[in-house]
C-alpha atoms as a PDB file:
ATOM      1  CA  MET A   1       0.155 -10.306  10.085  1.00  0.00           C
ATOM      2  CA  ASN A   2      -3.530 -11.050  10.339  1.00  0.00           C
ATOM      3  CA  GLY A   3      -3.826 -13.509  13.198  1.00  0.00           C
ATOM      4  CA  SER A   4      -6.808 -14.059  15.398  1.00  0.00           C
ATOM      5  CA  GLY A   5      -6.901 -14.412  19.119  1.00  0.00           C
ATOM      6  CA  ASN A   6      -6.564 -18.193  18.863  1.00  0.00           C
ATOM      7  CA  GLY A   7      -3.608 -18.080  16.489  1.00  0.00           C
ATOM      8  CA  LYS A   8      -5.623 -18.728  13.318  1.00  0.00           C
ATOM      9  CA  ARG A   9      -5.350 -16.383  10.373  1.00  0.00           C
ATOM     10  CA  ILE A  10      -8.352 -14.256   9.469  1.00  0.00           C
ATOM     11  CA  TRP A  11      -9.106 -15.709   6.069  1.00  0.00           C
ATOM     12  CA  GLU A  12     -10.795 -12.701   4.454  1.00  0.00           C
ATOM     13  CA  ILE A  13      -7.723 -10.518   5.027  1.00  0.00           C
ATOM     14  CA  ASP A  14      -5.583 -13.019   3.107  1.00  0.00           C
ATOM     15  CA  PHE A  15      -8.286 -13.232   0.446  1.00  0.00           C
ATOM     16  CA  PHE A  16      -8.547  -9.487  -0.175  1.00  0.00           C
ATOM     17  CA  ARG A  17      -4.765  -9.107  -0.017  1.00  0.00           C
ATOM     18  CA  GLY A  18      -4.561 -11.771  -2.700  1.00  0.00           C
ATOM     19  CA  ILE A  19      -7.046  -9.848  -4.852  1.00  0.00           C
ATOM     20  CA  ALA A  20      -5.000  -6.676  -4.349  1.00  0.00           C
ATOM     21  CA  LEU A  21      -1.826  -8.502  -5.340  1.00  0.00           C
ATOM     22  CA  ILE A  22      -3.364  -9.944  -8.505  1.00  0.00           C
ATOM     23  CA  LEU A  23      -4.749  -6.546  -9.502  1.00  0.00           C
ATOM     24  CA  MET A  24      -1.396  -4.883  -8.933  1.00  0.00           C
ATOM     25  CA  ILE A  25       0.456  -7.512 -10.963  1.00  0.00           C
ATOM     26  CA  TYR A  26      -2.009  -6.932 -13.795  1.00  0.00           C
ATOM     27  CA  PHE A  27      -1.554  -3.153 -13.610  1.00  0.00           C
ATOM     28  CA  HIS A  28       2.223  -3.340 -13.701  1.00  0.00           C
ATOM     29  CA  VAL A  29       2.192  -5.795 -16.595  1.00  0.00           C
ATOM     30  CA  ILE A  30       0.173  -3.160 -18.474  1.00  0.00           C
ATOM     31  CA  PHE A  31       2.646  -0.487 -17.331  1.00  0.00           C
ATOM     32  CA  ASP A  32       5.621  -2.530 -18.545  1.00  0.00           C
ATOM     33  CA  MET A  33       3.939  -3.305 -21.868  1.00  0.00           C
ATOM     34  CA  ASN A  34       3.511   0.416 -22.510  1.00  0.00           C
ATOM     35  CA  GLU A  35       6.701   1.895 -21.069  1.00  0.00           C
ATOM     36  CA  LEU A  36       9.238  -0.873 -21.636  1.00  0.00           C
ATOM     37  CA  PHE A  37       8.004  -2.734 -24.698  1.00  0.00           C
ATOM     38  CA  GLY A  38       6.234   0.004 -26.650  1.00  0.00           C
ATOM     39  CA  TYR A  39       2.727  -1.470 -26.831  1.00  0.00           C
ATOM     40  CA  SER A  40      -0.097   1.062 -27.065  1.00  0.00           C
ATOM     41  CA  VAL A  41      -1.856   0.089 -23.849  1.00  0.00           C
ATOM     42  CA  SER A  42      -3.039   2.887 -21.587  1.00  0.00           C
ATOM     43  CA  TYR A  43      -2.497   2.716 -17.835  1.00  0.00           C
ATOM     44  CA  SER A  44      -3.085   6.396 -16.968  1.00  0.00           C
ATOM     45  CA  GLU A  45      -6.817   6.418 -17.658  1.00  0.00           C
ATOM     46  CA  GLY A  46      -9.819   4.152 -17.978  1.00  0.00           C
ATOM     47  CA  ILE A  47     -10.252   0.750 -16.365  1.00  0.00           C
ATOM     48  CA  ASN A  48      -6.530   0.017 -16.081  1.00  0.00           C
ATOM     49  CA  TYR A  49      -5.929   3.212 -14.121  1.00  0.00           C
ATOM     50  CA  TYR A  50      -8.702   2.378 -11.653  1.00  0.00           C
ATOM     51  CA  ILE A  51      -7.496  -1.204 -11.276  1.00  0.00           C
ATOM     52  CA  GLY A  52      -4.098   0.132 -10.208  1.00  0.00           C
ATOM     53  CA  LYS A  53      -5.618   2.528  -7.680  1.00  0.00           C
ATOM     54  CA  LEU A  54      -8.006  -0.101  -6.341  1.00  0.00           C
ATOM     55  CA  SER A  55      -5.142  -2.503  -5.692  1.00  0.00           C
ATOM     56  CA  ALA A  56      -3.188   0.183  -3.815  1.00  0.00           C
ATOM     57  CA  ILE A  57      -6.229   1.180  -1.740  1.00  0.00           C
ATOM     58  CA  LEU A  58      -6.877  -2.450  -0.785  1.00  0.00           C
ATOM     59  CA  PHE A  59      -3.267  -2.849   0.333  1.00  0.00           C
ATOM     60  CA  MET A  60      -3.444   0.329   2.425  1.00  0.00           C
ATOM     61  CA  LEU A  61      -6.712  -0.667   4.104  1.00  0.00           C
ATOM     62  CA  ILE A  62      -5.461  -4.173   4.838  1.00  0.00           C
ATOM     63  CA  ALA A  63      -2.195  -2.833   6.246  1.00  0.00           C
ATOM     64  CA  GLY A  64      -4.139  -0.571   8.603  1.00  0.00           C
ATOM     65  CA  ILE A  65      -6.318  -3.460   9.736  1.00  0.00           C
ATOM     66  CA  SER A  66      -3.279  -5.727  10.137  1.00  0.00           C
ATOM     67  CA  CYS A  67      -1.579  -3.193  12.403  1.00  0.00           C
ATOM     68  CA  THR A  68      -4.416  -3.584  14.905  1.00  0.00           C
ATOM     69  CA  LEU A  69      -3.855  -7.363  14.910  1.00  0.00           C
ATOM     70  CA  SER A  70      -0.058  -7.535  15.014  1.00  0.00           C
ATOM     71  CA  ARG A  71       2.465  -7.121  17.819  1.00  0.00           C
ATOM     72  CA  LYS A  72       5.414  -6.935  15.423  1.00  0.00           C
ATOM     73  CA  ASN A  73       4.587  -3.789  13.484  1.00  0.00           C
ATOM     74  CA  THR A  74       7.969  -2.106  13.925  1.00  0.00           C
ATOM     75  CA  LYS A  75       9.844  -5.154  12.663  1.00  0.00           C
ATOM     76  CA  ARG A  76       7.459  -5.428   9.729  1.00  0.00           C
ATOM     77  CA  ALA A  77       7.886  -1.744   8.905  1.00  0.00           C
ATOM     78  CA  PHE A  78      11.674  -2.004   8.764  1.00  0.00           C
ATOM     79  CA  LYS A  79      11.440  -5.063   6.506  1.00  0.00           C
ATOM     80  CA  ILE A  80       9.173  -3.142   4.167  1.00  0.00           C
ATOM     81  CA  LEU A  81      11.426  -0.080   4.164  1.00  0.00           C
ATOM     82  CA  ALA A  82      14.493  -2.213   3.489  1.00  0.00           C
ATOM     83  CA  VAL A  83      12.862  -3.611   0.356  1.00  0.00           C
ATOM     84  CA  ALA A  84      11.621  -0.123  -0.554  1.00  0.00           C
ATOM     85  CA  ILE A  85      15.153   1.270  -0.444  1.00  0.00           C
ATOM     86  CA  LEU A  86      16.372  -1.623  -2.581  1.00  0.00           C
ATOM     87  CA  ILE A  87      13.637  -0.929  -5.126  1.00  0.00           C
ATOM     88  CA  THR A  88      14.611   2.763  -5.188  1.00  0.00           C
ATOM     89  CA  ILE A  89      18.225   1.871  -5.919  1.00  0.00           C
ATOM     90  CA  VAL A  90      17.434  -0.750  -8.568  1.00  0.00           C
ATOM     91  CA  SER A  91      14.820   1.382 -10.345  1.00  0.00           C
ATOM     92  CA  HIS A  92      17.150   4.383 -10.520  1.00  0.00           C
ATOM     93  CA  LEU A  93      20.032   2.269 -11.774  1.00  0.00           C
ATOM     94  CA  TYR A  94      17.780   0.761 -14.421  1.00  0.00           C
ATOM     95  CA  ASN A  95      16.463   4.110 -15.616  1.00  0.00           C
ATOM     96  CA  PRO A  96      16.270   7.349 -13.575  1.00  0.00           C
ATOM     97  CA  GLN A  97      13.169   8.263 -15.564  1.00  0.00           C
ATOM     98  CA  TYR A  98      11.358   5.370 -13.876  1.00  0.00           C
ATOM     99  CA  GLY A  99      13.047   5.769 -10.492  1.00  0.00           C
ATOM    100  CA  ILE A 100      10.746   5.151  -7.530  1.00  0.00           C
ATOM    101  CA  LYS A 101      11.277   7.685  -4.749  1.00  0.00           C
ATOM    102  CA  PHE A 102       8.205   7.197  -2.585  1.00  0.00           C
ATOM    103  CA  GLY A 103       6.197   4.299  -3.892  1.00  0.00           C
ATOM    104  CA  ILE A 104       3.630   2.221  -2.087  1.00  0.00           C
ATOM    105  CA  LEU A 105       6.281   0.275  -0.146  1.00  0.00           C
ATOM    106  CA  HIS A 106       7.875   3.469   1.148  1.00  0.00           C
ATOM    107  CA  PHE A 107       4.421   4.704   2.047  1.00  0.00           C
ATOM    108  CA  MET A 108       3.459   1.504   3.857  1.00  0.00           C
ATOM    109  CA  GLY A 109       6.710   1.298   5.812  1.00  0.00           C
ATOM    110  CA  VAL A 110       6.395   4.877   7.066  1.00  0.00           C
ATOM    111  CA  CYS A 111       2.708   4.482   7.942  1.00  0.00           C
ATOM    112  CA  ILE A 112       3.327   1.307   9.927  1.00  0.00           C
ATOM    113  CA  LEU A 113       6.173   3.002  11.802  1.00  0.00           C
ATOM    114  CA  LEU A 114       3.750   5.808  12.676  1.00  0.00           C
ATOM    115  CA  TYR A 115       1.036   3.393  13.817  1.00  0.00           C
ATOM    116  CA  PRO A 116       1.865   3.751  17.571  1.00  0.00           C
ATOM    117  CA  LEU A 117       0.834   7.406  17.300  1.00  0.00           C
ATOM    118  CA  PHE A 118      -2.669   6.322  16.275  1.00  0.00           C
ATOM    119  CA  SER A 119      -3.078   3.033  18.127  1.00  0.00           C
ATOM    120  CA  LYS A 120      -4.829   4.561  21.164  1.00  0.00           C
ATOM    121  CA  ILE A 121      -7.080   6.953  19.261  1.00  0.00           C
ATOM    122  CA  ASN A 122     -10.801   6.233  19.033  1.00  0.00           C
ATOM    123  CA  ALA A 123     -11.780   4.625  15.734  1.00  0.00           C
ATOM    124  CA  TYR A 124     -14.313   7.294  14.803  1.00  0.00           C
ATOM    125  CA  LEU A 125     -11.857  10.064  15.578  1.00  0.00           C
ATOM    126  CA  LEU A 126      -9.330   8.282  13.343  1.00  0.00           C
ATOM    127  CA  ALA A 127     -11.876   8.340  10.517  1.00  0.00           C
ATOM    128  CA  CYS A 128     -12.317  12.089  11.055  1.00  0.00           C
ATOM    129  CA  ILE A 129      -8.537  12.570  10.972  1.00  0.00           C
ATOM    130  CA  GLY A 130      -8.480  10.630   7.719  1.00  0.00           C
ATOM    131  CA  LEU A 131     -11.044  12.989   6.233  1.00  0.00           C
ATOM    132  CA  CYS A 132      -8.941  15.944   7.370  1.00  0.00           C
ATOM    133  CA  VAL A 133      -5.924  14.461   5.565  1.00  0.00           C
ATOM    134  CA  ILE A 134      -7.986  14.282   2.378  1.00  0.00           C
ATOM    135  CA  ALA A 135      -9.048  17.914   2.845  1.00  0.00           C
ATOM    136  CA  LEU A 136      -5.420  18.895   3.444  1.00  0.00           C
ATOM    137  CA  ASN A 137      -4.529  17.539   0.022  1.00  0.00           C
ATOM    138  CA  SER A 138      -6.592  20.233  -1.693  1.00  0.00           C
ATOM    139  CA  TRP A 139      -4.334  22.837  -0.053  1.00  0.00           C
ATOM    140  CA  PHE A 140      -1.070  20.965  -0.631  1.00  0.00           C
ATOM    141  CA  SER A 141      -1.902  20.506  -4.323  1.00  0.00           C
ATOM    142  CA  ARG A 142      -1.943  24.291  -4.762  1.00  0.00           C
ATOM    143  CA  ILE A 143       1.477  24.834  -3.182  1.00  0.00           C
ATOM    144  CA  SER A 144       4.133  25.656  -5.776  1.00  0.00           C
ATOM    145  CA  VAL A 145       7.761  25.038  -4.802  1.00  0.00           C
ATOM    146  CA  GLY A 146      11.081  24.810  -6.603  1.00  0.00           C
ATOM    147  CA  PHE A 147      12.408  21.888  -4.577  1.00  0.00           C
ATOM    148  CA  ASP A 148      11.429  18.303  -3.761  1.00  0.00           C
ATOM    149  CA  TYR A 149      12.498  17.891  -0.130  1.00  0.00           C
ATOM    150  CA  LEU A 150       8.879  17.492   0.980  1.00  0.00           C
ATOM    151  CA  PHE A 151       7.925  14.837  -1.567  1.00  0.00           C
ATOM    152  CA  PRO A 152       6.864  12.287   1.106  1.00  0.00           C
ATOM    153  CA  PHE A 153       4.054  14.710   1.998  1.00  0.00           C
ATOM    154  CA  GLY A 154       2.925  15.338  -1.570  1.00  0.00           C
ATOM    155  CA  ILE A 155       4.618  18.733  -1.992  1.00  0.00           C
ATOM    156  CA  THR A 156       6.830  18.659  -5.080  1.00  0.00           C
ATOM    157  CA  SER A 157       8.206  20.773  -7.890  1.00  0.00           C
ATOM    158  CA  ASP A 158       6.989  20.453 -11.470  1.00  0.00           C
ATOM    159  CA  SER A 159      10.096  18.420 -12.341  1.00  0.00           C
ATOM    160  CA  PHE A 160       9.568  15.718  -9.705  1.00  0.00           C
ATOM    161  CA  ILE A 161       9.492  12.160 -11.086  1.00  0.00           C
ATOM    162  CA  SER A 162       8.564   8.926  -9.334  1.00  0.00           C
ATOM    163  CA  SER A 163       7.000   6.187 -11.445  1.00  0.00           C
ATOM    164  CA  ASP A 164       5.255   4.815  -8.347  1.00  0.00           C
ATOM    165  CA  TYR A 165       4.171   7.633  -6.036  1.00  0.00           C
ATOM    166  CA  TYR A 166       1.924   7.482  -2.976  1.00  0.00           C
ATOM    167  CA  PRO A 167       2.631  10.460  -0.689  1.00  0.00           C
ATOM    168  CA  LEU A 168       1.352  10.566   2.878  1.00  0.00           C
ATOM    169  CA  VAL A 169      -1.075  13.297   1.883  1.00  0.00           C
ATOM    170  CA  PRO A 170      -3.696  12.252   0.870  1.00  0.00           C
ATOM    171  CA  TRP A 171      -3.069   8.482   0.970  1.00  0.00           C
ATOM    172  CA  MET A 172      -2.462   8.181   4.696  1.00  0.00           C
ATOM    173  CA  SER A 173      -6.201   8.724   5.050  1.00  0.00           C
ATOM    174  CA  VAL A 174      -6.800   5.243   3.623  1.00  0.00           C
ATOM    175  CA  PHE A 175      -4.366   3.694   6.108  1.00  0.00           C
ATOM    176  CA  LEU A 176      -6.161   5.503   8.965  1.00  0.00           C
ATOM    177  CA  PHE A 177      -9.503   4.221   7.702  1.00  0.00           C
ATOM    178  CA  GLY A 178      -7.978   0.721   7.797  1.00  0.00           C
ATOM    179  CA  ILE A 179      -6.967   1.169  11.439  1.00  0.00           C
ATOM    180  CA  ALA A 180     -10.495   2.362  12.227  1.00  0.00           C
ATOM    181  CA  ILE A 181     -11.966  -0.696  10.495  1.00  0.00           C
ATOM    182  CA  GLY A 182      -9.647  -2.949  12.491  1.00  0.00           C
ATOM    183  CA  LYS A 183     -10.672  -1.321  15.766  1.00  0.00           C
ATOM    184  CA  ILE A 184     -14.393  -1.475  15.022  1.00  0.00           C
ATOM    185  CA  PHE A 185     -14.797  -4.808  13.255  1.00  0.00           C
ATOM    186  CA  TYR A 186     -11.769  -6.858  14.350  1.00  0.00           C
ATOM    187  CA  SER A 187     -11.457  -5.971  18.021  1.00  0.00           C
ATOM    188  CA  GLY A 188     -12.083  -9.649  18.807  1.00  0.00           C
ATOM    189  CA  LYS A 189      -9.386 -10.710  16.299  1.00  0.00           C
ATOM    190  CA  GLN A 190     -11.818 -13.049  14.568  1.00  0.00           C
ATOM    191  CA  SER A 191     -13.278 -13.396  11.100  1.00  0.00           C
ATOM    192  CA  LEU A 192     -16.457 -11.469  10.383  1.00  0.00           C
ATOM    193  CA  PHE A 193     -17.922 -14.427   8.486  1.00  0.00           C
ATOM    194  CA  LYS A 194     -19.415 -17.708   9.645  1.00  0.00           C
ATOM    195  CA  PHE A 195     -17.906 -19.533   6.664  1.00  0.00           C
ATOM    196  CA  GLU A 196     -14.309 -19.915   5.518  1.00  0.00           C
ATOM    197  CA  LEU A 197     -12.644 -19.804   2.110  1.00  0.00           C
ATOM    198  CA  ARG A 198      -9.147 -20.846   3.105  1.00  0.00           C
ATOM    199  CA  GLU A 199      -8.265 -23.395   0.451  1.00  0.00           C
ATOM    200  CA  ASN A 200      -8.348 -21.249  -2.657  1.00  0.00           C
ATOM    201  CA  ILE A 201      -5.658 -19.825  -4.902  1.00  0.00           C
ATOM    202  CA  ILE A 202      -6.430 -16.184  -4.061  1.00  0.00           C
ATOM    203  CA  SER A 203      -5.975 -16.681  -0.322  1.00  0.00           C
ATOM    204  CA  LYS A 204      -2.806 -18.688  -0.894  1.00  0.00           C
ATOM    205  CA  VAL A 205      -1.416 -15.838  -2.983  1.00  0.00           C
ATOM    206  CA  GLY A 206      -2.436 -13.377  -0.269  1.00  0.00           C
ATOM    207  CA  LYS A 207      -0.450 -15.287   2.326  1.00  0.00           C
ATOM    208  CA  ARG A 208       2.759 -15.126   0.305  1.00  0.00           C
ATOM    209  CA  THR A 209       3.068 -11.584  -0.984  1.00  0.00           C
ATOM    210  CA  LEU A 210       6.695 -11.347   0.139  1.00  0.00           C
ATOM    211  CA  LEU A 211       7.672 -14.543  -1.678  1.00  0.00           C
ATOM    212  CA  ILE A 212       5.931 -13.402  -4.848  1.00  0.00           C
ATOM    213  CA  LEU A 213       7.585  -9.994  -4.513  1.00  0.00           C
ATOM    214  CA  TYR A 214      10.999 -11.657  -4.611  1.00  0.00           C
ATOM    215  CA  TYR A 215      10.316 -13.991  -7.521  1.00  0.00           C
ATOM    216  CA  SER A 216       8.032 -11.961  -9.806  1.00  0.00           C
ATOM    217  CA  PRO A 217       9.788  -9.213 -11.822  1.00  0.00           C
ATOM    218  CA  ALA A 218       6.553  -7.274 -12.293  1.00  0.00           C
ATOM    219  CA  CYS A 219       5.843  -7.332  -8.559  1.00  0.00           C
ATOM    220  CA  TYR A 220       9.425  -6.519  -7.659  1.00  0.00           C
ATOM    221  CA  TYR A 221       9.494  -3.449  -9.843  1.00  0.00           C
ATOM    222  CA  SER A 222       6.128  -2.217  -8.611  1.00  0.00           C
ATOM    223  CA  GLY A 223       6.929  -2.519  -4.939  1.00  0.00           C
ATOM    224  CA  ILE A 224       4.097  -4.665  -3.677  1.00  0.00           C
ATOM    225  CA  VAL A 225       3.214  -4.415  -0.010  1.00  0.00           C
ATOM    226  CA  ILE A 226       4.668  -6.990   2.375  1.00  0.00           C
ATOM    227  CA  ASN A 227       2.304  -8.357   5.005  1.00  0.00           C
END
């Protein structure tokens, strides 16, 4: 959801979501080439690694902004989690080594469900909370445990495996920054720009992430965010 007060979509949200989607498709094509087809293409370092992280960060920011614009966040969260559970099942059946336990879809669904807890908080305080979540990660990363029950929070054993993994700590900070951006810059539910770029392929892709998720194998496996 990224509607404006007059029912029109905010074009730049679709545009940047489309960029995020394209970047994520590219990253997971690289991932599949390496892991599934044996090509020597690196995805864990260099430009490909940063492309993957950039796409995830864009999705998280946009989801936070969209929560401030939507009245159907709970419904959207359950739709996302339903697809996330399906992806967990399919990925584990395909190969447990690549099983996704808490990928970006799981992350997004949980964050959107938690949005009511943050909806009334001042935007600048939300940004401070986000920074605290980042700081908390430095402590969590030093915790050594022999179990994986706390994996949604980033606390895992050395044997934990999830081919797509975005725990709440530290990544929830990005979602909180997105909410803050929505509160500060989109309180009027209108575009920030005086021009529009609606009729372009990137924006069209950004409007149909769910459809592309269903029909693109690379997207389906990666767990691209539904908005």
